[in-house]
Amino acid sequence: MELPTYFSDFLAEIRPTKNQRNELKTGHTTLRNRLLQDAALAKIIVSTFLQGSYRRATAVRPHEGKRSDVDIVVVTTLREEDYTPQAAMDLFVPFLDRHYKGKWAFQGRSIGINLSYVDLDLVITSAPSEVEQKMLRSASVTSEDTPEDVTDWRLVPSYVSFAERSLPGATARLLQARKEAEWQPAPLRIPQRKREHAVEVLDHRIAILLVEMRQHFGV
């Protein structure tokens, strides 16, 4: 057996199954849509995006009895000077009780939501600058694209998500995206931890590089 085939078979054995990937998508898409449609929370939400192993396409299949998990970051307009970390998270309690009653709990720096088919980790951050807000609303950040979906991902204004590349004007925008200088994201502040946490779109770049290397070497 050739190495590339062996490696592909190995990845297929350790990565989430198609059904598990569909469950992950259902869980995070439903949560993100509900957040953006919530009358109270929509006013303070700048953006939501995925991070962690799911976004980097490095998630592994959960062991028996365990569930797959997804990390969702919620960028808000709340200023640290006006809200304590707990006060910021408390604003989400009515929403959580309405949609996930009995299934959620505070867990340090995040809010855990445990469903029958997936675990969701909700991370709330405080207000970024106006420049950062534009970046955090861009398709580069908010799309579900993983390094296995695209290898031309860039943190730029004209980036087009994989799901929208068949739309009119997408090709021209992608060509423009190749010429644009990438944004340089500043760290976001996360509740319950007196430290800064870099937005994981940086890890996304590293993951894409690894995918490109695998393709180059035929692995």
C-alpha atoms as a PDB file:
ATOM      1  CA  MET A   1       0.000   0.000   0.000  1.00  0.00           C
ATOM      2  CA  GLU A   2       1.351   3.397  -0.973  1.00  0.00           C
ATOM      3  CA  LEU A   3       1.925   5.971   1.743  1.00  0.00           C
ATOM      4  CA  PRO A   4      -0.643   8.504   0.447  1.00  0.00           C
ATOM      5  CA  THR A   5      -3.403   5.838   0.454  1.00  0.00           C
ATOM      6  CA  TYR A   6      -2.346   4.575   3.866  1.00  0.00           C
ATOM      7  CA  PHE A   7      -2.365   8.096   5.278  1.00  0.00           C
ATOM      8  CA  SER A   8      -5.781   8.880   3.793  1.00  0.00           C
ATOM      9  CA  ASP A   9      -7.185   5.671   5.266  1.00  0.00           C
ATOM     10  CA  PHE A  10      -5.677   6.556   8.640  1.00  0.00           C
ATOM     11  CA  LEU A  11      -7.289  10.014   8.601  1.00  0.00           C
ATOM     12  CA  ALA A  12     -10.645   8.522   7.629  1.00  0.00           C
ATOM     13  CA  GLU A  13     -10.471   6.263  10.670  1.00  0.00           C
ATOM     14  CA  ILE A  14      -9.707   8.976  13.225  1.00  0.00           C
ATOM     15  CA  ARG A  15     -11.747  11.912  11.927  1.00  0.00           C
ATOM     16  CA  PRO A  16     -15.431  12.497  12.741  1.00  0.00           C
ATOM     17  CA  THR A  17     -17.828  10.524  10.570  1.00  0.00           C
ATOM     18  CA  LYS A  18     -20.061  12.251   8.040  1.00  0.00           C
ATOM     19  CA  ASN A  19     -22.990  11.926  10.445  1.00  0.00           C
ATOM     20  CA  GLN A  20     -20.949  13.446  13.265  1.00  0.00           C
ATOM     21  CA  ARG A  21     -19.861  16.339  11.029  1.00  0.00           C
ATOM     22  CA  ASN A  22     -23.501  16.970  10.122  1.00  0.00           C
ATOM     23  CA  GLU A  23     -24.422  16.992  13.815  1.00  0.00           C
ATOM     24  CA  LEU A  24     -21.643  19.475  14.552  1.00  0.00           C
ATOM     25  CA  LYS A  25     -22.870  21.753  11.787  1.00  0.00           C
ATOM     26  CA  THR A  26     -26.480  21.529  12.940  1.00  0.00           C
ATOM     27  CA  GLY A  27     -25.505  22.370  16.506  1.00  0.00           C
ATOM     28  CA  HIS A  28     -23.320  25.401  15.820  1.00  0.00           C
ATOM     29  CA  THR A  29     -25.439  26.767  12.953  1.00  0.00           C
ATOM     30  CA  THR A  30     -28.602  26.639  15.054  1.00  0.00           C
ATOM     31  CA  LEU A  31     -26.880  28.352  17.977  1.00  0.00           C
ATOM     32  CA  ARG A  32     -25.303  31.087  15.855  1.00  0.00           C
ATOM     33  CA  ASN A  33     -28.568  31.820  14.046  1.00  0.00           C
ATOM     34  CA  ARG A  34     -30.482  31.976  17.309  1.00  0.00           C
ATOM     35  CA  LEU A  35     -27.961  34.402  18.773  1.00  0.00           C
ATOM     36  CA  LEU A  36     -28.156  36.757  15.803  1.00  0.00           C
ATOM     37  CA  GLN A  37     -31.956  36.596  15.757  1.00  0.00           C
ATOM     38  CA  ASP A  38     -32.382  37.224  19.483  1.00  0.00           C
ATOM     39  CA  ALA A  39     -33.989  40.643  20.004  1.00  0.00           C
ATOM     40  CA  ALA A  40     -31.879  41.527  23.043  1.00  0.00           C
ATOM     41  CA  LEU A  41     -28.535  39.943  22.190  1.00  0.00           C
ATOM     42  CA  ALA A  42     -28.439  40.949  18.523  1.00  0.00           C
ATOM     43  CA  LYS A  43     -27.982  44.555  19.656  1.00  0.00           C
ATOM     44  CA  ILE A  44     -24.692  43.747  21.394  1.00  0.00           C
ATOM     45  CA  ILE A  45     -23.255  41.109  19.047  1.00  0.00           C
ATOM     46  CA  VAL A  46     -20.652  42.184  16.504  1.00  0.00           C
ATOM     47  CA  SER A  47     -19.960  38.749  15.088  1.00  0.00           C
ATOM     48  CA  THR A  48     -19.816  35.034  15.815  1.00  0.00           C
ATOM     49  CA  PHE A  49     -17.193  32.659  14.477  1.00  0.00           C
ATOM     50  CA  LEU A  50     -15.862  29.145  14.874  1.00  0.00           C
ATOM     51  CA  GLN A  51     -12.487  28.305  16.347  1.00  0.00           C
ATOM     52  CA  GLY A  52     -10.556  25.317  17.602  1.00  0.00           C
ATOM     53  CA  SER A  53     -10.035  21.896  16.048  1.00  0.00           C
ATOM     54  CA  TYR A  54     -13.359  21.904  14.180  1.00  0.00           C
ATOM     55  CA  ARG A  55     -12.462  25.082  12.258  1.00  0.00           C
ATOM     56  CA  ARG A  56      -8.918  23.860  11.641  1.00  0.00           C
ATOM     57  CA  ALA A  57     -10.171  20.484  10.352  1.00  0.00           C
ATOM     58  CA  THR A  58      -8.061  18.711  12.970  1.00  0.00           C
ATOM     59  CA  ALA A  59     -10.938  17.326  15.079  1.00  0.00           C
ATOM     60  CA  VAL A  60     -10.759  13.624  15.891  1.00  0.00           C
ATOM     61  CA  ARG A  61     -13.600  11.158  16.260  1.00  0.00           C
ATOM     62  CA  PRO A  62     -14.853  11.124  19.864  1.00  0.00           C
ATOM     63  CA  HIS A  63     -14.436   7.950  21.884  1.00  0.00           C
ATOM     64  CA  GLU A  64     -17.477   5.857  22.667  1.00  0.00           C
ATOM     65  CA  GLY A  65     -19.722   7.618  25.138  1.00  0.00           C
ATOM     66  CA  LYS A  66     -18.295  11.024  24.241  1.00  0.00           C
ATOM     67  CA  ARG A  67     -19.694  13.702  21.938  1.00  0.00           C
ATOM     68  CA  SER A  68     -18.070  15.880  19.333  1.00  0.00           C
ATOM     69  CA  ASP A  69     -17.599  19.516  20.331  1.00  0.00           C
ATOM     70  CA  VAL A  70     -17.447  22.928  18.661  1.00  0.00           C
ATOM     71  CA  ASP A  71     -16.080  26.233  19.986  1.00  0.00           C
ATOM     72  CA  ILE A  72     -18.099  29.333  19.064  1.00  0.00           C
ATOM     73  CA  VAL A  73     -16.742  32.809  19.803  1.00  0.00           C
ATOM     74  CA  VAL A  74     -19.243  35.642  20.294  1.00  0.00           C
ATOM     75  CA  VAL A  75     -17.719  39.082  19.787  1.00  0.00           C
ATOM     76  CA  THR A  76     -19.764  41.732  21.601  1.00  0.00           C
ATOM     77  CA  THR A  77     -19.878  45.516  21.888  1.00  0.00           C
ATOM     78  CA  LEU A  78     -19.614  45.273  25.689  1.00  0.00           C
ATOM     79  CA  ARG A  79     -16.748  47.312  27.117  1.00  0.00           C
ATOM     80  CA  GLU A  80     -14.633  45.879  29.903  1.00  0.00           C
ATOM     81  CA  GLU A  81     -14.936  49.180  31.787  1.00  0.00           C
ATOM     82  CA  ASP A  82     -18.721  48.773  31.953  1.00  0.00           C
ATOM     83  CA  TYR A  83     -19.146  45.040  32.581  1.00  0.00           C
ATOM     84  CA  THR A  84     -17.474  42.516  34.818  1.00  0.00           C
ATOM     85  CA  PRO A  85     -16.810  39.163  33.142  1.00  0.00           C
ATOM     86  CA  GLN A  86     -19.691  37.509  35.006  1.00  0.00           C
ATOM     87  CA  ALA A  87     -22.071  40.387  34.267  1.00  0.00           C
ATOM     88  CA  ALA A  88     -21.293  40.034  30.561  1.00  0.00           C
ATOM     89  CA  MET A  89     -22.062  36.313  30.582  1.00  0.00           C
ATOM     90  CA  ASP A  90     -25.190  36.848  32.692  1.00  0.00           C
ATOM     91  CA  LEU A  91     -26.704  38.806  29.793  1.00  0.00           C
ATOM     92  CA  PHE A  92     -26.902  35.516  27.898  1.00  0.00           C
ATOM     93  CA  VAL A  93     -28.801  33.642  30.644  1.00  0.00           C
ATOM     94  CA  PRO A  94     -32.358  34.469  29.435  1.00  0.00           C
ATOM     95  CA  PHE A  95     -31.384  33.324  25.927  1.00  0.00           C
ATOM     96  CA  LEU A  96     -29.823  30.122  27.247  1.00  0.00           C
ATOM     97  CA  ASP A  97     -32.803  29.299  29.454  1.00  0.00           C
ATOM     98  CA  ARG A  98     -35.167  29.911  26.559  1.00  0.00           C
ATOM     99  CA  HIS A  99     -33.372  27.669  24.063  1.00  0.00           C
ATOM    100  CA  TYR A 100     -31.182  25.347  26.149  1.00  0.00           C
ATOM    101  CA  LYS A 101     -32.811  25.149  29.587  1.00  0.00           C
ATOM    102  CA  GLY A 102     -31.166  22.509  31.765  1.00  0.00           C
ATOM    103  CA  LYS A 103     -28.472  21.905  29.161  1.00  0.00           C
ATOM    104  CA  TRP A 104     -26.017  24.738  29.833  1.00  0.00           C
ATOM    105  CA  ALA A 105     -23.587  25.772  32.575  1.00  0.00           C
ATOM    106  CA  PHE A 106     -20.884  28.352  33.214  1.00  0.00           C
ATOM    107  CA  GLN A 107     -17.464  26.724  32.961  1.00  0.00           C
ATOM    108  CA  GLY A 108     -14.743  29.210  33.718  1.00  0.00           C
ATOM    109  CA  ARG A 109     -14.040  31.313  30.662  1.00  0.00           C
ATOM    110  CA  SER A 110     -16.972  29.965  28.643  1.00  0.00           C
ATOM    111  CA  ILE A 111     -20.518  28.640  28.668  1.00  0.00           C
ATOM    112  CA  GLY A 112     -20.957  24.958  27.949  1.00  0.00           C
ATOM    113  CA  ILE A 113     -24.060  23.707  26.162  1.00  0.00           C
ATOM    114  CA  ASN A 114     -24.488  19.942  26.268  1.00  0.00           C
ATOM    115  CA  LEU A 115     -26.879  18.500  23.694  1.00  0.00           C
ATOM    116  CA  SER A 116     -27.617  14.839  23.071  1.00  0.00           C
ATOM    117  CA  TYR A 117     -25.506  14.831  19.930  1.00  0.00           C
ATOM    118  CA  VAL A 118     -22.893  17.572  20.364  1.00  0.00           C
ATOM    119  CA  ASP A 119     -21.206  19.785  22.982  1.00  0.00           C
ATOM    120  CA  LEU A 120     -21.003  23.514  22.261  1.00  0.00           C
ATOM    121  CA  ASP A 121     -18.517  25.831  23.975  1.00  0.00           C
ATOM    122  CA  LEU A 122     -19.634  29.467  23.874  1.00  0.00           C
ATOM    123  CA  VAL A 123     -16.866  32.026  24.427  1.00  0.00           C
ATOM    124  CA  ILE A 124     -17.876  35.671  24.919  1.00  0.00           C
ATOM    125  CA  THR A 125     -15.434  38.505  24.223  1.00  0.00           C
ATOM    126  CA  SER A 126     -15.565  42.222  24.900  1.00  0.00           C
ATOM    127  CA  ALA A 127     -15.668  45.087  22.410  1.00  0.00           C
ATOM    128  CA  PRO A 128     -12.902  45.305  19.773  1.00  0.00           C
ATOM    129  CA  SER A 129     -11.984  48.521  17.930  1.00  0.00           C
ATOM    130  CA  GLU A 130     -14.093  49.695  14.987  1.00  0.00           C
ATOM    131  CA  VAL A 131     -11.409  48.495  12.578  1.00  0.00           C
ATOM    132  CA  GLU A 132     -11.409  45.071  14.212  1.00  0.00           C
ATOM    133  CA  GLN A 133     -15.198  44.928  13.995  1.00  0.00           C
ATOM    134  CA  LYS A 134     -15.047  45.194  10.203  1.00  0.00           C
ATOM    135  CA  MET A 135     -12.577  42.322  10.085  1.00  0.00           C
ATOM    136  CA  LEU A 136     -14.609  40.178  12.479  1.00  0.00           C
ATOM    137  CA  ARG A 137     -17.722  40.577  10.309  1.00  0.00           C
ATOM    138  CA  SER A 138     -15.908  39.502   7.149  1.00  0.00           C
ATOM    139  CA  ALA A 139     -16.437  36.157   5.417  1.00  0.00           C
ATOM    140  CA  SER A 140     -12.841  35.239   6.257  1.00  0.00           C
ATOM    141  CA  VAL A 141     -13.845  35.024   9.907  1.00  0.00           C
ATOM    142  CA  THR A 142     -17.551  34.181   9.938  1.00  0.00           C
ATOM    143  CA  SER A 143     -17.603  31.471   7.263  1.00  0.00           C
ATOM    144  CA  GLU A 144     -17.435  27.768   8.065  1.00  0.00           C
ATOM    145  CA  ASP A 145     -14.526  27.216   5.666  1.00  0.00           C
ATOM    146  CA  THR A 146     -11.878  24.808   6.900  1.00  0.00           C
ATOM    147  CA  PRO A 147      -8.432  24.136   5.400  1.00  0.00           C
ATOM    148  CA  GLU A 148      -9.938  21.086   3.720  1.00  0.00           C
ATOM    149  CA  ASP A 149     -12.547  23.230   1.967  1.00  0.00           C
ATOM    150  CA  VAL A 150     -10.187  25.877   0.595  1.00  0.00           C
ATOM    151  CA  THR A 151      -6.452  26.471   0.340  1.00  0.00           C
ATOM    152  CA  ASP A 152      -6.698  30.120  -0.702  1.00  0.00           C
ATOM    153  CA  TRP A 153      -8.157  31.414   2.570  1.00  0.00           C
ATOM    154  CA  ARG A 154      -6.931  34.915   3.411  1.00  0.00           C
ATOM    155  CA  LEU A 155      -7.863  37.397   6.119  1.00  0.00           C
ATOM    156  CA  VAL A 156      -8.906  40.159   3.696  1.00  0.00           C
ATOM    157  CA  PRO A 157     -12.066  42.185   2.889  1.00  0.00           C
ATOM    158  CA  SER A 158     -12.768  40.540  -0.492  1.00  0.00           C
ATOM    159  CA  TYR A 159     -12.498  36.900   0.576  1.00  0.00           C
ATOM    160  CA  VAL A 160     -15.425  34.782  -0.640  1.00  0.00           C
ATOM    161  CA  SER A 161     -16.541  31.751   1.348  1.00  0.00           C
ATOM    162  CA  PHE A 162     -16.629  28.366  -0.355  1.00  0.00           C
ATOM    163  CA  ALA A 163     -20.433  28.271  -0.124  1.00  0.00           C
ATOM    164  CA  GLU A 164     -20.771  31.528  -2.113  1.00  0.00           C
ATOM    165  CA  ARG A 165     -18.233  30.955  -4.869  1.00  0.00           C
ATOM    166  CA  SER A 166     -20.869  30.101  -7.469  1.00  0.00           C
ATOM    167  CA  LEU A 167     -22.571  33.481  -7.041  1.00  0.00           C
ATOM    168  CA  PRO A 168     -22.151  36.288  -9.612  1.00  0.00           C
ATOM    169  CA  GLY A 169     -19.033  38.370  -9.020  1.00  0.00           C
ATOM    170  CA  ALA A 170     -17.356  35.791  -6.774  1.00  0.00           C
ATOM    171  CA  THR A 171     -14.456  35.145  -9.152  1.00  0.00           C
ATOM    172  CA  ALA A 172     -13.647  38.846  -9.456  1.00  0.00           C
ATOM    173  CA  ARG A 173     -13.716  39.239  -5.676  1.00  0.00           C
ATOM    174  CA  LEU A 174     -11.384  36.283  -5.190  1.00  0.00           C
ATOM    175  CA  LEU A 175      -8.936  37.789  -7.659  1.00  0.00           C
ATOM    176  CA  GLN A 176      -9.097  41.032  -5.684  1.00  0.00           C
ATOM    177  CA  ALA A 177      -8.604  39.122  -2.439  1.00  0.00           C
ATOM    178  CA  ARG A 178      -5.254  37.809  -3.690  1.00  0.00           C
ATOM    179  CA  LYS A 179      -3.976  41.377  -4.055  1.00  0.00           C
ATOM    180  CA  GLU A 180      -5.169  42.745  -0.719  1.00  0.00           C
ATOM    181  CA  ALA A 181      -2.940  43.045   2.321  1.00  0.00           C
ATOM    182  CA  GLU A 182      -4.141  40.836   5.156  1.00  0.00           C
ATOM    183  CA  TRP A 183      -5.582  42.281   8.326  1.00  0.00           C
ATOM    184  CA  GLN A 184      -3.447  41.814  11.419  1.00  0.00           C
ATOM    185  CA  PRO A 185      -5.853  40.785  14.199  1.00  0.00           C
ATOM    186  CA  ALA A 186      -5.327  42.057  17.719  1.00  0.00           C
ATOM    187  CA  PRO A 187      -6.023  39.768  20.683  1.00  0.00           C
ATOM    188  CA  LEU A 188      -9.584  39.544  21.972  1.00  0.00           C
ATOM    189  CA  ARG A 189     -10.422  39.644  25.661  1.00  0.00           C
ATOM    190  CA  ILE A 190     -12.179  36.609  27.093  1.00  0.00           C
ATOM    191  CA  PRO A 191     -14.269  36.598  30.291  1.00  0.00           C
ATOM    192  CA  GLN A 192     -13.003  34.886  33.439  1.00  0.00           C
ATOM    193  CA  ARG A 193      -9.364  35.083  32.421  1.00  0.00           C
ATOM    194  CA  LYS A 194      -7.228  38.164  33.046  1.00  0.00           C
ATOM    195  CA  ARG A 195      -5.191  37.568  29.951  1.00  0.00           C
ATOM    196  CA  GLU A 196      -5.471  38.076  26.236  1.00  0.00           C
ATOM    197  CA  HIS A 197      -6.375  35.399  23.784  1.00  0.00           C
ATOM    198  CA  ALA A 198      -5.399  35.706  20.111  1.00  0.00           C
ATOM    199  CA  VAL A 199      -8.181  35.146  17.617  1.00  0.00           C
ATOM    200  CA  GLU A 200      -7.639  31.686  16.198  1.00  0.00           C
ATOM    201  CA  VAL A 201      -7.815  32.797  12.590  1.00  0.00           C
ATOM    202  CA  LEU A 202      -4.037  32.784  13.008  1.00  0.00           C
ATOM    203  CA  ASP A 203      -4.142  29.032  13.637  1.00  0.00           C
ATOM    204  CA  HIS A 204      -6.254  28.765  10.504  1.00  0.00           C
ATOM    205  CA  ARG A 205      -3.321  30.036   8.437  1.00  0.00           C
ATOM    206  CA  ILE A 206      -1.050  27.386   9.945  1.00  0.00           C
ATOM    207  CA  ALA A 207      -3.595  24.662   9.235  1.00  0.00           C
ATOM    208  CA  ILE A 208      -3.862  25.747   5.599  1.00  0.00           C
ATOM    209  CA  LEU A 209      -0.092  25.609   5.282  1.00  0.00           C
ATOM    210  CA  LEU A 210      -0.123  22.010   6.534  1.00  0.00           C
ATOM    211  CA  VAL A 211      -2.809  21.057   4.022  1.00  0.00           C
ATOM    212  CA  GLU A 212      -0.803  22.640   1.216  1.00  0.00           C
ATOM    213  CA  MET A 213       2.274  20.688   2.296  1.00  0.00           C
ATOM    214  CA  ARG A 214       0.304  17.421   2.269  1.00  0.00           C
ATOM    215  CA  GLN A 215      -0.975  18.191  -1.220  1.00  0.00           C
ATOM    216  CA  HIS A 216       2.499  19.156  -2.453  1.00  0.00           C
ATOM    217  CA  PHE A 217       4.043  15.917  -1.233  1.00  0.00           C
ATOM    218  CA  GLY A 218       1.073  13.811  -2.270  1.00  0.00           C
ATOM    219  CA  VAL A 219       0.351  12.629   1.281  1.00  0.00           C
END
